[in-house]
């Protein structure tokens, strides 16, 4: 995923927050308008590999312009009924860190937060999604890295409760999550030891950390019906001061849990002419935890089918063949539900997928999540 697309969203969100007082906001239609704000040179940029310190670096980095914590997962109940979920927190700085001034009001904010919560009911081919904005002050929204990690916006939150164990919760009307996530594999530093270039310009990069295999147990409610569930989740944390480069208009991101115990993350950056940018990248993790970094030439993705949104009229890929020749991996990836498009402040498709394929001639299955941007509108024009 790419840490530059929320510049305009957060700028306009701030003006909305100014009139919100302490009220929470649930948005189900686009709110933003106007032109992108220029990126200040005073924000820190990702210029190369850095030394990470955890759990401090699990928390916020306010000297960078944008940051997110992305949780997605596939869950089933005892009968095999399948659900997908997404809970995402975004942070946006309003001023460069070296220009922040102390103010007496507890409501004064130098950061704003945006969060998305979505649930997919595979059995009924149904999809619910929600959005909230809030200032990062007065305890309404924020994040910490020490003494333990926590990120929250009102009662949507993820908090570390023990070493490698996290409590995730979110509630909106008759939809909610209450999950325990246990990191059984550890953090993966994507790209070059966590440094993930996104384009040729200096500083057009992010720092990118994943927790790809989070054993998940708990409960959820969907449309007022409660289920005890278990499964696997994936967490991505990125921070940067960057934007889409040149002809880039969007990206496709895949995060997959495979039945042999391996994981695969790849993302492709797309250009206006439909070609893939050479800064596309990924990571393959073997069943015994060995990590292989993937460059754009190390994997191939072919679109086998498409889906047209009845809401945005965007045409999205809806089936893929993904090959990683170096590890003899071939996968067929398809959405559990076609319509997992979020029509919020920005429009994108993010949903649960199922996987079938082979590795070294042996059959594989699996589940995961895919994010698709730039199909309903160019992310270059928007941000």
Foldseek 3Di string as FASTA:
>chain_A
DAFALCQQVFVVLVVVQVPQPLHKDKFQAADTDDAGDDFDPQADFQQDDDDDDALQVVKDDQSFAKKKKKKKWWKAFPVGFIKIKIKMKMKGFPDHPVPDDDDDDQQDARMKMKMKIKMAGLVVLDIDIIMIIHGCGPPQWGWGSPPHTKGDHHPAIWTDDDVQKIWGWDDDVQKIDTKIWGQPQDKDQADPSQWAADDDDRRQTKRKMKSQWTWMWDWIGDPNRIGTITGTMMIMIITGHHHHDDQFFWKKWWWWQKPLQKIKIWMWTAGPVGDTDQSTWIWIADNVGDIDTGTPVQKDKDQDDWDADPVLRFIGRAWIWMDRVVQQWIKIKGFSHRPQWRNYNFIWHKGKIKMWTDTPRHTMITITMMIIDRRSHGSNRSD
